[in-house]
Amino acid sequence: MGTAGQLDTLQLRLHHRFADVSLLEQALTHRSYSADHNERLEFLGDSVLGLVVAHMLYEALGDLPEGDLSRVRAQLVRQDSLHKLALDLGLPGLLRLGEGEMRSGGPRRPSILADALEAVIGAVYLDGGFDAANALVRRLFERIKITPALLATARDAKTALQEWLQGRGMPLPHYEVVQVLGAAHLQTFEVACTVAQLKRRELGQGASRRAAEQAAAAAMLNAVQSKT
């Protein structure tokens, strides 16, 4: 667990000073460390996060149908997105983990960090009410421009790329694993997506081959669409 000074720094980043700092400590506690862990706070924070993001999308993209709004919300609150936000907040150095999790890279594991971020949101909600949690979530996502363009990235990237290529009479892309990084229980896959006719190759990474293929497809789609 981080020092009192580190917890103070985190509260400054959250723009929320806890009346009950034990809630924040619990939010940063993994089940491998203590029976008083963060899973209940994570459950609560997940719901608060989903509601606030849904409200943000309703405000900005109110003309989109429900299905499209749901896809964009899923894109914004997926594990990869929350993992990056957790890194920005400096959560890895503040987590309380059991020795086994510490040795196996737990402080950097995307699933653990994403869950911890949701738990922190839940803790802010319990400590300061909905207004405080609402303000926190909106600050976390303030760098993301909520426009209809998000819908394109929220779709299945491999399907979207395939449709884009087929619509122009081009063959399907080719995917191949370039490398696998990390230990067997904590692997990161790097996949190359190649479109031979365009002489383009883009890379993507993910915690599984499927996720890496999606990331590579999204990079390719962004590259080819930016040229049109």
Protein backbone atom coordinates (compact mmCIF):
# COMPACT_ATOMS: atom_id res chain seq x y z
CA MET A 1 0.00 0.00 0.00
CA GLY A 2 1.19 3.49 -0.71
CA THR A 3 2.25 5.90 1.99
CA ALA A 4 -0.03 8.53 3.48
CA GLY A 5 1.65 11.03 1.20
CA GLN A 6 0.87 8.92 -1.85
CA LEU A 7 -2.76 8.64 -0.77
CA ASP A 8 -2.86 12.42 -0.40
CA THR A 9 -1.50 12.77 -3.93
CA LEU A 10 -4.13 10.38 -5.25
CA GLN A 11 -6.89 12.36 -3.56
CA LEU A 12 -5.59 15.51 -5.24
CA ARG A 13 -5.69 13.74 -8.60
CA LEU A 14 -9.22 12.58 -7.86
CA HIS A 15 -10.23 16.10 -6.78
CA HIS A 16 -11.89 14.47 -3.78
CA ARG A 17 -10.74 14.57 -0.16
CA PHE A 18 -12.10 11.54 1.65
CA ALA A 19 -13.92 12.04 4.93
CA ASP A 20 -13.40 8.31 5.49
CA VAL A 21 -10.02 7.43 3.99
CA SER A 22 -10.54 3.76 4.89
CA LEU A 23 -12.90 3.58 1.91
CA LEU A 24 -10.07 4.59 -0.40
CA GLU A 25 -7.74 2.07 1.24
CA GLN A 26 -10.32 -0.67 0.76
CA ALA A 27 -10.77 0.31 -2.89
CA LEU A 28 -7.06 -0.31 -3.41
CA THR A 29 -7.08 -3.71 -1.67
CA HIS A 30 -7.12 -6.86 -3.82
CA ARG A 31 -8.76 -10.05 -2.57
CA SER A 32 -5.34 -11.72 -2.49
CA TYR A 33 -4.30 -9.34 0.29
CA SER A 34 -7.25 -9.30 2.68
CA ALA A 35 -10.81 -10.47 3.23
CA ASP A 36 -11.70 -6.78 3.42
CA HIS A 37 -11.09 -6.31 -0.30
CA ASN A 38 -12.47 -4.08 -3.03
CA GLU A 39 -14.89 -6.31 -4.94
CA ARG A 40 -18.08 -4.87 -3.42
CA LEU A 41 -16.84 -1.34 -4.10
CA GLU A 42 -15.98 -2.43 -7.64
CA PHE A 43 -19.54 -3.69 -8.11
CA LEU A 44 -20.90 -0.34 -6.95
CA GLY A 45 -18.43 1.71 -8.96
CA ASP A 46 -19.17 -0.22 -12.14
CA SER A 47 -22.83 0.80 -11.88
CA VAL A 48 -22.01 4.43 -11.14
CA LEU A 49 -19.53 4.54 -14.02
CA GLY A 50 -22.05 3.05 -16.43
CA LEU A 51 -24.74 5.53 -15.40
CA VAL A 52 -22.52 8.61 -15.71
CA VAL A 53 -21.09 7.56 -19.07
CA ALA A 54 -24.61 6.75 -20.31
CA HIS A 55 -25.73 10.24 -19.26
CA MET A 56 -22.75 11.83 -21.02
CA LEU A 57 -23.59 9.95 -24.22
CA TYR A 58 -27.27 10.83 -23.93
CA GLU A 59 -26.34 14.50 -23.65
CA ALA A 60 -23.89 14.50 -26.56
CA LEU A 61 -25.31 11.83 -28.86
CA GLY A 62 -29.00 11.91 -28.03
CA ASP A 63 -30.01 11.36 -31.66
CA LEU A 64 -28.36 7.93 -31.83
CA PRO A 65 -30.52 4.84 -31.26
CA GLU A 66 -30.19 2.84 -28.05
CA GLY A 67 -28.12 0.07 -29.64
CA ASP A 68 -25.50 2.51 -30.91
CA LEU A 69 -25.34 4.30 -27.56
CA SER A 70 -24.80 0.95 -25.84
CA ARG A 71 -21.93 0.07 -28.18
CA VAL A 72 -20.20 3.41 -27.57
CA ARG A 73 -20.64 3.05 -23.80
CA ALA A 74 -19.14 -0.44 -23.90
CA GLN A 75 -16.18 0.96 -25.83
CA LEU A 76 -15.57 3.71 -23.27
CA VAL A 77 -15.80 1.52 -20.16
CA ARG A 78 -13.99 -1.57 -21.45
CA GLN A 79 -11.03 -2.94 -19.52
CA ASP A 80 -8.37 -1.43 -21.79
CA SER A 81 -9.82 2.07 -21.36
CA LEU A 82 -10.07 1.79 -17.58
CA HIS A 83 -6.57 0.30 -17.40
CA LYS A 84 -5.12 3.40 -19.07
CA LEU A 85 -7.05 5.72 -16.76
CA ALA A 86 -5.80 3.76 -13.74
CA LEU A 87 -2.22 4.15 -14.96
CA ASP A 88 -2.74 7.90 -15.37
CA LEU A 89 -3.90 8.10 -11.75
CA GLY A 90 -0.84 6.20 -10.55
CA LEU A 91 -2.76 3.29 -9.06
CA PRO A 92 -0.10 0.55 -9.62
CA GLY A 93 2.08 1.80 -6.78
CA LEU A 94 -0.87 2.11 -4.40
CA LEU A 95 -2.45 -1.33 -4.66
CA ARG A 96 -2.41 -3.78 -1.75
CA LEU A 97 -1.78 -7.24 -3.19
CA GLY A 98 -0.84 -10.63 -1.81
CA GLU A 99 2.76 -11.75 -2.29
CA GLY A 100 1.85 -14.11 -5.12
CA GLU A 101 0.09 -11.38 -7.08
CA MET A 102 2.96 -8.97 -6.45
CA ARG A 103 5.50 -11.46 -7.81
CA SER A 104 3.38 -12.26 -10.87
CA GLY A 105 3.02 -8.65 -12.02
CA GLY A 106 -0.32 -7.91 -10.42
CA PRO A 107 0.29 -4.17 -9.97
CA ARG A 108 0.40 -3.81 -13.77
CA ARG A 109 -2.27 -6.35 -14.69
CA PRO A 110 -5.01 -4.60 -16.72
CA SER A 111 -7.88 -6.50 -15.07
CA ILE A 112 -6.69 -5.69 -11.53
CA LEU A 113 -6.16 -2.02 -12.34
CA ALA A 114 -9.50 -1.66 -14.14
CA ASP A 115 -11.28 -3.25 -11.19
CA ALA A 116 -9.43 -0.99 -8.75
CA LEU A 117 -10.46 2.11 -10.68
CA GLU A 118 -14.11 1.05 -10.52
CA ALA A 119 -13.68 0.43 -6.79
CA VAL A 120 -12.25 3.92 -6.34
CA ILE A 121 -15.29 5.36 -8.13
CA GLY A 122 -17.50 3.34 -5.79
CA ALA A 123 -15.57 4.63 -2.79
CA VAL A 124 -15.96 8.25 -3.91
CA TYR A 125 -19.69 7.62 -4.36
CA LEU A 126 -20.07 6.27 -0.82
CA ASP A 127 -17.89 9.00 0.70
CA GLY A 128 -19.15 12.03 -1.21
CA GLY A 129 -22.41 11.05 -2.88
CA PHE A 130 -23.43 10.91 -6.51
CA ASP A 131 -22.37 14.47 -7.33
CA ALA A 132 -18.76 13.73 -6.30
CA ALA A 133 -18.67 10.46 -8.26
CA ASN A 134 -20.31 12.10 -11.27
CA ALA A 135 -17.70 14.86 -11.27
CA LEU A 136 -14.88 12.29 -10.99
CA VAL A 137 -16.06 10.19 -13.93
CA ARG A 138 -16.54 13.25 -16.10
CA ARG A 139 -13.01 14.41 -15.29
CA LEU A 140 -11.61 10.97 -16.11
CA PHE A 141 -13.19 11.08 -19.55
CA GLU A 142 -12.76 14.79 -20.26
CA ARG A 143 -10.04 14.20 -22.88
CA ILE A 144 -12.35 12.06 -24.99
CA LYS A 145 -14.36 13.97 -27.56
CA ILE A 146 -17.85 12.50 -27.56
CA THR A 147 -18.90 12.75 -31.19
CA PRO A 148 -20.68 10.41 -33.63
CA ALA A 149 -17.20 9.33 -34.80
CA LEU A 150 -16.96 7.23 -31.63
CA LEU A 151 -19.54 4.90 -33.10
CA ALA A 152 -17.13 3.75 -35.79
CA THR A 153 -14.51 2.74 -33.25
CA ALA A 154 -17.15 1.12 -31.05
CA ARG A 155 -18.07 -1.35 -33.74
CA ASP A 156 -16.25 -4.63 -34.14
CA ALA A 157 -13.08 -3.36 -35.80
CA LYS A 158 -12.35 -6.53 -37.80
CA THR A 159 -15.87 -6.55 -39.23
CA ALA A 160 -15.76 -2.84 -39.98
CA LEU A 161 -12.41 -3.20 -41.76
CA GLN A 162 -13.64 -6.19 -43.75
CA GLU A 163 -16.72 -4.25 -44.85
CA TRP A 164 -14.61 -1.24 -45.81
CA LEU A 165 -12.28 -3.36 -47.95
CA GLN A 166 -15.04 -5.41 -49.56
CA GLY A 167 -16.91 -2.23 -50.42
CA ARG A 168 -13.90 -1.24 -52.50
CA GLY A 169 -13.38 -4.62 -54.10
CA MET A 170 -10.27 -5.44 -52.07
CA PRO A 171 -9.32 -8.82 -50.57
CA LEU A 172 -9.59 -9.52 -46.86
CA PRO A 173 -6.73 -8.49 -44.54
CA HIS A 174 -4.19 -10.98 -43.21
CA TYR A 175 -3.49 -11.28 -39.47
CA GLU A 176 -0.40 -12.84 -37.92
CA VAL A 177 1.08 -12.93 -34.43
CA VAL A 178 4.36 -11.00 -34.45
CA GLN A 179 5.39 -11.73 -30.88
CA VAL A 180 4.09 -12.78 -27.48
CA LEU A 181 5.46 -10.88 -24.50
CA GLY A 182 5.43 -11.71 -20.81
CA ALA A 183 5.05 -14.83 -18.70
CA ALA A 184 2.50 -17.50 -19.60
CA HIS A 185 -0.06 -16.23 -17.08
CA LEU A 186 0.32 -12.58 -18.07
CA GLN A 187 0.91 -12.48 -21.81
CA THR A 188 0.61 -9.60 -24.24
CA PHE A 189 0.07 -10.48 -27.88
CA GLU A 190 1.26 -8.32 -30.75
CA VAL A 191 -0.49 -8.91 -34.07
CA ALA A 192 0.16 -7.45 -37.51
CA CYS A 193 -2.73 -6.65 -39.84
CA THR A 194 -1.66 -6.50 -43.50
CA VAL A 195 -3.64 -5.27 -46.50
CA ALA A 196 -1.51 -6.38 -49.44
CA GLN A 197 -3.30 -4.33 -52.09
CA LEU A 198 -2.70 -1.15 -50.11
CA LYS A 199 0.83 -2.19 -49.10
CA ARG A 200 -0.02 -1.31 -45.51
CA ARG A 201 0.80 -3.08 -42.26
CA GLU A 202 -0.43 -2.00 -38.83
CA LEU A 203 0.26 -3.47 -35.40
CA GLY A 204 -2.00 -4.01 -32.41
CA GLN A 205 -1.51 -5.37 -28.89
CA GLY A 206 -3.88 -7.09 -26.47
CA ALA A 207 -4.14 -9.54 -23.61
CA SER A 208 -5.33 -12.21 -26.08
CA ARG A 209 -4.78 -12.90 -29.75
CA ARG A 210 -8.36 -11.87 -30.47
CA ALA A 211 -7.96 -8.56 -28.65
CA ALA A 212 -4.68 -7.88 -30.45
CA GLU A 213 -6.31 -8.61 -33.83
CA GLN A 214 -9.08 -6.16 -33.00
CA ALA A 215 -6.52 -3.51 -32.03
CA ALA A 216 -4.57 -4.08 -35.24
CA ALA A 217 -7.75 -3.91 -37.31
CA ALA A 218 -8.75 -0.66 -35.59
CA ALA A 219 -5.31 0.82 -36.36
CA MET A 220 -5.61 -0.25 -40.00
CA LEU A 221 -9.14 1.13 -40.29
CA ASN A 222 -8.04 4.44 -38.83
CA ALA A 223 -5.06 4.57 -41.21
CA VAL A 224 -6.99 3.81 -44.40
CA GLN A 225 -9.93 6.03 -43.54
CA SER A 226 -7.66 8.97 -42.80
CA LYS A 227 -6.34 8.68 -46.36
CA THR A 228 -9.80 8.93 -47.93
